[in-house]
Amino acid sequence: MKTILTLALSFALCIFMSSYSFSSSMGVSGPDVGEDAPDFVLKGIDGKEFKLSSFKSIKPVVLIFGSCT
């Protein structure tokens, strides 16, 4: 049982490391610490548009991008 757990954890670590190195080699980077995020517009379920900069003086914004697959 201990061997199976070790193999499963090793496999998960390998997948994590391969995806990390792939994304870092693509040259994709976000804003630096303390730098503002780039402004963008998202459309809500009701069709209303929300602009990130409109929330700047109101409250902090947390974006969560998930997958339903």
PDB file of N, CA and C in Angstrom:
ATOM      1  N   MET A   1       0.823  -1.189   0.000  1.00  0.00           N
ATOM      2  CA  MET A   1       0.000   0.000   0.000  1.00  0.00           C
ATOM      3  C   MET A   1       0.868   1.255   0.000  1.00  0.00           C
ATOM      4  N   LYS A   2       1.949   1.219   0.758  1.00  0.00           N
ATOM      5  CA  LYS A   2       2.857   2.355   0.837  1.00  0.00           C
ATOM      6  C   LYS A   2       3.521   2.606  -0.521  1.00  0.00           C
ATOM      7  N   THR A   3       3.833   1.533  -1.233  1.00  0.00           N
ATOM      8  CA  THR A   3       4.457   1.643  -2.555  1.00  0.00           C
ATOM      9  C   THR A   3       3.489   2.283  -3.559  1.00  0.00           C
ATOM     10  N   ILE A   4       2.240   1.895  -3.511  1.00  0.00           N
ATOM     11  CA  ILE A   4       1.243   2.451  -4.427  1.00  0.00           C
ATOM     12  C   ILE A   4       1.064   3.943  -4.163  1.00  0.00           C
ATOM     13  N   LEU A   5       1.018   4.328  -2.901  1.00  0.00           N
ATOM     14  CA  LEU A   5       0.883   5.730  -2.548  1.00  0.00           C
ATOM     15  C   LEU A   5       2.093   6.539  -3.024  1.00  0.00           C
ATOM     16  N   THR A   6       3.278   5.976  -2.841  1.00  0.00           N
ATOM     17  CA  THR A   6       4.497   6.643  -3.298  1.00  0.00           C
ATOM     18  C   THR A   6       4.497   6.812  -4.807  1.00  0.00           C
ATOM     19  N   LEU A   7       4.081   5.795  -5.541  1.00  0.00           N
ATOM     20  CA  LEU A   7       4.024   5.879  -6.995  1.00  0.00           C
ATOM     21  C   LEU A   7       2.984   6.911  -7.449  1.00  0.00           C
ATOM     22  N   ALA A   8       1.836   6.940  -6.787  1.00  0.00           N
ATOM     23  CA  ALA A   8       0.793   7.900  -7.139  1.00  0.00           C
ATOM     24  C   ALA A   8       1.265   9.333  -6.898  1.00  0.00           C
ATOM     25  N   LEU A   9       1.909   9.569  -5.780  1.00  0.00           N
ATOM     26  CA  LEU A   9       2.427  10.899  -5.489  1.00  0.00           C
ATOM     27  C   LEU A   9       3.535  11.296  -6.458  1.00  0.00           C
ATOM     28  N   SER A  10       4.385  10.364  -6.813  1.00  0.00           N
ATOM     29  CA  SER A  10       5.450  10.631  -7.784  1.00  0.00           C
ATOM     30  C   SER A  10       4.863  10.969  -9.143  1.00  0.00           C
ATOM     31  N   PHE A  11       3.838  10.231  -9.559  1.00  0.00           N
ATOM     32  CA  PHE A  11       3.181  10.485 -10.833  1.00  0.00           C
ATOM     33  C   PHE A  11       2.546  11.875 -10.844  1.00  0.00           C
ATOM     34  N   ALA A  12       1.859  12.239  -9.761  1.00  0.00           N
ATOM     35  CA  ALA A  12       1.229  13.555  -9.663  1.00  0.00           C
ATOM     36  C   ALA A  12       2.284  14.661  -9.707  1.00  0.00           C
ATOM     37  N   LEU A  13       3.398  14.461  -9.043  1.00  0.00           N
ATOM     38  CA  LEU A  13       4.475  15.450  -9.044  1.00  0.00           C
ATOM     39  C   LEU A  13       5.064  15.615 -10.445  1.00  0.00           C
ATOM     40  N   CYS A  14       5.224  14.516 -11.160  1.00  0.00           N
ATOM     41  CA  CYS A  14       5.749  14.582 -12.531  1.00  0.00           C
ATOM     42  C   CYS A  14       4.798  15.362 -13.441  1.00  0.00           C
ATOM     43  N   ILE A  15       3.511  15.130 -13.309  1.00  0.00           N
ATOM     44  CA  ILE A  15       2.535  15.850 -14.124  1.00  0.00           C
ATOM     45  C   ILE A  15       2.567  17.343 -13.778  1.00  0.00           C
ATOM     46  N   PHE A  16       2.626  17.644 -12.501  1.00  0.00           N
ATOM     47  CA  PHE A  16       2.680  19.047 -12.075  1.00  0.00           C
ATOM     48  C   PHE A  16       3.923  19.729 -12.612  1.00  0.00           C
ATOM     49  N   MET A  17       5.073  19.095 -12.502  1.00  0.00           N
ATOM     50  CA  MET A  17       6.319  19.699 -12.958  1.00  0.00           C
ATOM     51  C   MET A  17       6.346  19.865 -14.470  1.00  0.00           C
ATOM     52  N   SER A  18       5.792  18.913 -15.212  1.00  0.00           N
ATOM     53  CA  SER A  18       5.797  19.033 -16.665  1.00  0.00           C
ATOM     54  C   SER A  18       4.879  20.157 -17.118  1.00  0.00           C
ATOM     55  N   SER A  19       3.730  20.321 -16.474  1.00  0.00           N
ATOM     56  CA  SER A  19       2.826  21.410 -16.852  1.00  0.00           C
ATOM     57  C   SER A  19       3.414  22.750 -16.437  1.00  0.00           C
ATOM     58  N   TYR A  20       4.120  22.802 -15.329  1.00  0.00           N
ATOM     59  CA  TYR A  20       4.741  24.048 -14.881  1.00  0.00           C
ATOM     60  C   TYR A  20       5.832  24.477 -15.844  1.00  0.00           C
ATOM     61  N   SER A  21       6.686  23.560 -16.251  1.00  0.00           N
ATOM     62  CA  SER A  21       7.767  23.926 -17.155  1.00  0.00           C
ATOM     63  C   SER A  21       7.231  24.279 -18.533  1.00  0.00           C
ATOM     64  N   PHE A  22       6.125  23.645 -18.972  1.00  0.00           N
ATOM     65  CA  PHE A  22       5.536  23.962 -20.262  1.00  0.00           C
ATOM     66  C   PHE A  22       4.979  25.378 -20.256  1.00  0.00           C
ATOM     67  N   SER A  23       4.247  25.752 -19.217  1.00  0.00           N
ATOM     68  CA  SER A  23       3.657  27.085 -19.181  1.00  0.00           C
ATOM     69  C   SER A  23       4.727  28.159 -19.018  1.00  0.00           C
ATOM     70  N   SER A  24       5.798  27.873 -18.292  1.00  0.00           N
ATOM     71  CA  SER A  24       6.838  28.879 -18.120  1.00  0.00           C
ATOM     72  C   SER A  24       7.678  29.026 -19.377  1.00  0.00           C
ATOM     73  N   SER A  25       7.746  27.997 -20.209  1.00  0.00           N
ATOM     74  CA  SER A  25       8.524  28.097 -21.440  1.00  0.00           C
ATOM     75  C   SER A  25       7.757  28.806 -22.544  1.00  0.00           C
ATOM     76  N   MET A  26       6.443  28.987 -22.363  1.00  0.00           N
ATOM     77  CA  MET A  26       5.633  29.651 -23.375  1.00  0.00           C
ATOM     78  C   MET A  26       5.792  31.170 -23.326  1.00  0.00           C
ATOM     79  N   GLY A  27       6.418  31.695 -22.306  1.00  0.00           N
ATOM     80  CA  GLY A  27       6.626  33.125 -22.203  1.00  0.00           C
ATOM     81  C   GLY A  27       5.397  33.879 -21.719  1.00  0.00           C
ATOM     82  N   VAL A  28       4.440  33.181 -21.162  1.00  0.00           N
ATOM     83  CA  VAL A  28       3.238  33.832 -20.649  1.00  0.00           C
ATOM     84  C   VAL A  28       3.549  34.349 -19.252  1.00  0.00           C
ATOM     85  N   SER A  29       3.308  35.633 -19.060  1.00  0.00           N
ATOM     86  CA  SER A  29       3.552  36.180 -17.730  1.00  0.00           C
ATOM     87  C   SER A  29       2.460  37.174 -17.390  1.00  0.00           C
ATOM     88  N   GLY A  30       2.220  37.312 -16.138  1.00  0.00           N
ATOM     89  CA  GLY A  30       1.206  38.246 -15.667  1.00  0.00           C
ATOM     90  C   GLY A  30       1.861  39.504 -15.142  1.00  0.00           C
ATOM     91  N   PRO A  31       1.068  40.346 -14.530  1.00  0.00           N
ATOM     92  CA  PRO A  31       1.620  41.579 -13.963  1.00  0.00           C
ATOM     93  C   PRO A  31       2.532  41.275 -12.789  1.00  0.00           C
ATOM     94  N   ASP A  32       3.483  42.146 -12.562  1.00  0.00           N
ATOM     95  CA  ASP A  32       4.379  41.998 -11.420  1.00  0.00           C
ATOM     96  C   ASP A  32       3.633  42.351 -10.143  1.00  0.00           C
ATOM     97  N   VAL A  33       4.220  41.988  -9.011  1.00  0.00           N
ATOM     98  CA  VAL A  33       3.619  42.275  -7.716  1.00  0.00           C
ATOM     99  C   VAL A  33       3.478  43.790  -7.568  1.00  0.00           C
ATOM    100  N   GLY A  34       2.290  44.236  -7.184  1.00  0.00           N
ATOM    101  CA  GLY A  34       2.023  45.654  -7.013  1.00  0.00           C
ATOM    102  C   GLY A  34       1.559  46.356  -8.274  1.00  0.00           C
ATOM    103  N   GLU A  35       1.666  45.699  -9.415  1.00  0.00           N
ATOM    104  CA  GLU A  35       1.244  46.280 -10.686  1.00  0.00           C
ATOM    105  C   GLU A  35      -0.239  45.986 -10.921  1.00  0.00           C
ATOM    106  N   ASP A  36      -0.945  46.935 -11.516  1.00  0.00           N
ATOM    107  CA  ASP A  36      -2.363  46.728 -11.810  1.00  0.00           C
ATOM    108  C   ASP A  36      -2.549  45.696 -12.910  1.00  0.00           C
ATOM    109  N   ALA A  37      -3.629  44.940 -12.803  1.00  0.00           N
ATOM    110  CA  ALA A  37      -3.976  43.985 -13.864  1.00  0.00           C
ATOM    111  C   ALA A  37      -4.452  44.767 -15.082  1.00  0.00           C
ATOM    112  N   PRO A  38      -4.244  44.222 -16.276  1.00  0.00           N
ATOM    113  CA  PRO A  38      -4.746  44.910 -17.472  1.00  0.00           C
ATOM    114  C   PRO A  38      -6.270  44.978 -17.459  1.00  0.00           C
ATOM    115  N   ASP A  39      -6.810  46.068 -17.962  1.00  0.00           N
ATOM    116  CA  ASP A  39      -8.257  46.255 -17.968  1.00  0.00           C
ATOM    117  C   ASP A  39      -8.910  45.364 -19.023  1.00  0.00           C
ATOM    118  N   PHE A  40     -10.069  44.809 -18.712  1.00  0.00           N
ATOM    119  CA  PHE A  40     -10.810  43.978 -19.658  1.00  0.00           C
ATOM    120  C   PHE A  40     -12.292  44.039 -19.331  1.00  0.00           C
ATOM    121  N   VAL A  41     -13.106  43.540 -20.249  1.00  0.00           N
ATOM    122  CA  VAL A  41     -14.564  43.535 -20.092  1.00  0.00           C
ATOM    123  C   VAL A  41     -15.056  42.099 -20.182  1.00  0.00           C
ATOM    124  N   LEU A  42     -15.940  41.712 -19.249  1.00  0.00           N
ATOM    125  CA  LEU A  42     -16.579  40.398 -19.267  1.00  0.00           C
ATOM    126  C   LEU A  42     -18.082  40.585 -19.338  1.00  0.00           C
ATOM    127  N   LYS A  43     -18.748  39.674 -20.008  1.00  0.00           N
ATOM    128  CA  LYS A  43     -20.196  39.729 -20.136  1.00  0.00           C
ATOM    129  C   LYS A  43     -20.814  38.740 -19.146  1.00  0.00           C
ATOM    130  N   GLY A  44     -21.799  39.213 -18.385  1.00  0.00           N
ATOM    131  CA  GLY A  44     -22.496  38.375 -17.417  1.00  0.00           C
ATOM    132  C   GLY A  44     -23.540  37.504 -18.086  1.00  0.00           C
ATOM    133  N   ILE A  45     -24.166  36.642 -17.294  1.00  0.00           N
ATOM    134  CA  ILE A  45     -25.197  35.731 -17.795  1.00  0.00           C
ATOM    135  C   ILE A  45     -26.363  36.504 -18.403  1.00  0.00           C
ATOM    136  N   ASP A  46     -26.678  37.649 -17.814  1.00  0.00           N
ATOM    137  CA  ASP A  46     -27.800  38.455 -18.305  1.00  0.00           C
ATOM    138  C   ASP A  46     -27.421  39.370 -19.475  1.00  0.00           C
ATOM    139  N   GLY A  47     -26.180  39.310 -19.935  1.00  0.00           N
ATOM    140  CA  GLY A  47     -25.730  40.122 -21.059  1.00  0.00           C
ATOM    141  C   GLY A  47     -25.108  41.442 -20.651  1.00  0.00           C
ATOM    142  N   LYS A  48     -25.200  41.801 -19.374  1.00  0.00           N
ATOM    143  CA  LYS A  48     -24.614  43.042 -18.883  1.00  0.00           C
ATOM    144  C   LYS A  48     -23.092  42.924 -18.892  1.00  0.00           C
ATOM    145  N   GLU A  49     -22.396  43.993 -19.320  1.00  0.00           N
ATOM    146  CA  GLU A  49     -20.943  43.973 -19.375  1.00  0.00           C
ATOM    147  C   GLU A  49     -20.349  44.573 -18.100  1.00  0.00           C
ATOM    148  N   PHE A  50     -19.282  43.958 -17.631  1.00  0.00           N
ATOM    149  CA  PHE A  50     -18.564  44.411 -16.444  1.00  0.00           C
ATOM    150  C   PHE A  50     -17.130  44.716 -16.833  1.00  0.00           C
ATOM    151  N   LYS A  51     -16.677  45.914 -16.504  1.00  0.00           N
ATOM    152  CA  LYS A  51     -15.310  46.332 -16.809  1.00  0.00           C
ATOM    153  C   LYS A  51     -14.498  46.305 -15.511  1.00  0.00           C
ATOM    154  N   LEU A  52     -13.326  45.703 -15.558  1.00  0.00           N
ATOM    155  CA  LEU A  52     -12.502  45.570 -14.357  1.00  0.00           C
ATOM    156  C   LEU A  52     -12.208  46.924 -13.722  1.00  0.00           C
ATOM    157  N   SER A  53     -11.892  47.918 -14.511  1.00  0.00           N
ATOM    158  CA  SER A  53     -11.527  49.225 -13.956  1.00  0.00           C
ATOM    159  C   SER A  53     -12.679  49.895 -13.210  1.00  0.00           C
ATOM    160  N   SER A  54     -13.923  49.487 -13.485  1.00  0.00           N
ATOM    161  CA  SER A  54     -15.052  50.097 -12.782  1.00  0.00           C
ATOM    162  C   SER A  54     -15.130  49.655 -11.317  1.00  0.00           C
ATOM    163  N   PHE A  55     -14.431  48.594 -10.957  1.00  0.00           N
ATOM    164  CA  PHE A  55     -14.426  48.107  -9.573  1.00  0.00           C
ATOM    165  C   PHE A  55     -13.230  48.625  -8.769  1.00  0.00           C
ATOM    166  N   LYS A  56     -12.337  49.355  -9.410  1.00  0.00           N
ATOM    167  CA  LYS A  56     -11.079  49.753  -8.768  1.00  0.00           C
ATOM    168  C   LYS A  56     -11.286  50.508  -7.459  1.00  0.00           C
ATOM    169  N   SER A  57     -12.222  51.443  -7.412  1.00  0.00           N
ATOM    170  CA  SER A  57     -12.422  52.234  -6.196  1.00  0.00           C
ATOM    171  C   SER A  57     -13.487  51.644  -5.274  1.00  0.00           C
ATOM    172  N   ILE A  58     -14.152  50.567  -5.707  1.00  0.00           N
ATOM    173  CA  ILE A  58     -15.259  50.019  -4.925  1.00  0.00           C
ATOM    174  C   ILE A  58     -14.804  48.910  -3.977  1.00  0.00           C
ATOM    175  N   LYS A  59     -14.184  47.855  -4.530  1.00  0.00           N
ATOM    176  CA  LYS A  59     -13.824  46.698  -3.715  1.00  0.00           C
ATOM    177  C   LYS A  59     -12.789  45.838  -4.435  1.00  0.00           C
ATOM    178  N   PRO A  60     -12.105  44.967  -3.702  1.00  0.00           N
ATOM    179  CA  PRO A  60     -11.167  44.043  -4.357  1.00  0.00           C
ATOM    180  C   PRO A  60     -11.911  43.066  -5.269  1.00  0.00           C
ATOM    181  N   VAL A  61     -11.238  42.616  -6.298  1.00  0.00           N
ATOM    182  CA  VAL A  61     -11.848  41.697  -7.258  1.00  0.00           C
ATOM    183  C   VAL A  61     -11.024  40.402  -7.275  1.00  0.00           C
ATOM    184  N   VAL A  62     -11.712  39.268  -7.187  1.00  0.00           N
ATOM    185  CA  VAL A  62     -11.081  37.959  -7.291  1.00  0.00           C
ATOM    186  C   VAL A  62     -11.681  37.247  -8.488  1.00  0.00           C
ATOM    187  N   LEU A  63     -10.842  36.819  -9.423  1.00  0.00           N
ATOM    188  CA  LEU A  63     -11.306  36.105 -10.607  1.00  0.00           C
ATOM    189  C   LEU A  63     -10.956  34.639 -10.472  1.00  0.00           C
ATOM    190  N   ILE A  64     -11.914  33.791 -10.712  1.00  0.00           N
ATOM    191  CA  ILE A  64     -11.691  32.342 -10.670  1.00  0.00           C
ATOM    192  C   ILE A  64     -12.109  31.775 -12.008  1.00  0.00           C
ATOM    193  N   PHE A  65     -11.139  31.221 -12.724  1.00  0.00           N
ATOM    194  CA  PHE A  65     -11.419  30.588 -14.012  1.00  0.00           C
ATOM    195  C   PHE A  65     -11.362  29.086 -13.792  1.00  0.00           C
ATOM    196  N   GLY A  66     -12.469  28.415 -14.012  1.00  0.00           N
ATOM    197  CA  GLY A  66     -12.538  26.975 -13.787  1.00  0.00           C
ATOM    198  C   GLY A  66     -12.939  26.257 -15.048  1.00  0.00           C
ATOM    199  N   SER A  67     -12.985  24.965 -14.945  1.00  0.00           N
ATOM    200  CA  SER A  67     -13.363  24.129 -16.063  1.00  0.00           C
ATOM    201  C   SER A  67     -14.512  23.226 -15.650  1.00  0.00           C
ATOM    202  N   CYS A  68     -15.447  23.022 -16.544  1.00  0.00           N
ATOM    203  CA  CYS A  68     -16.588  22.156 -16.258  1.00  0.00           C
ATOM    204  C   CYS A  68     -16.459  20.817 -16.956  1.00  0.00           C
ATOM    205  N   THR A  69     -15.256  20.457 -17.348  1.00  0.00           N
ATOM    206  CA  THR A  69     -15.068  19.188 -18.061  1.00  0.00           C
ATOM    207  C   THR A  69     -14.657  18.086 -17.135  1.00  0.00           C
TER     208      THR A  69
END
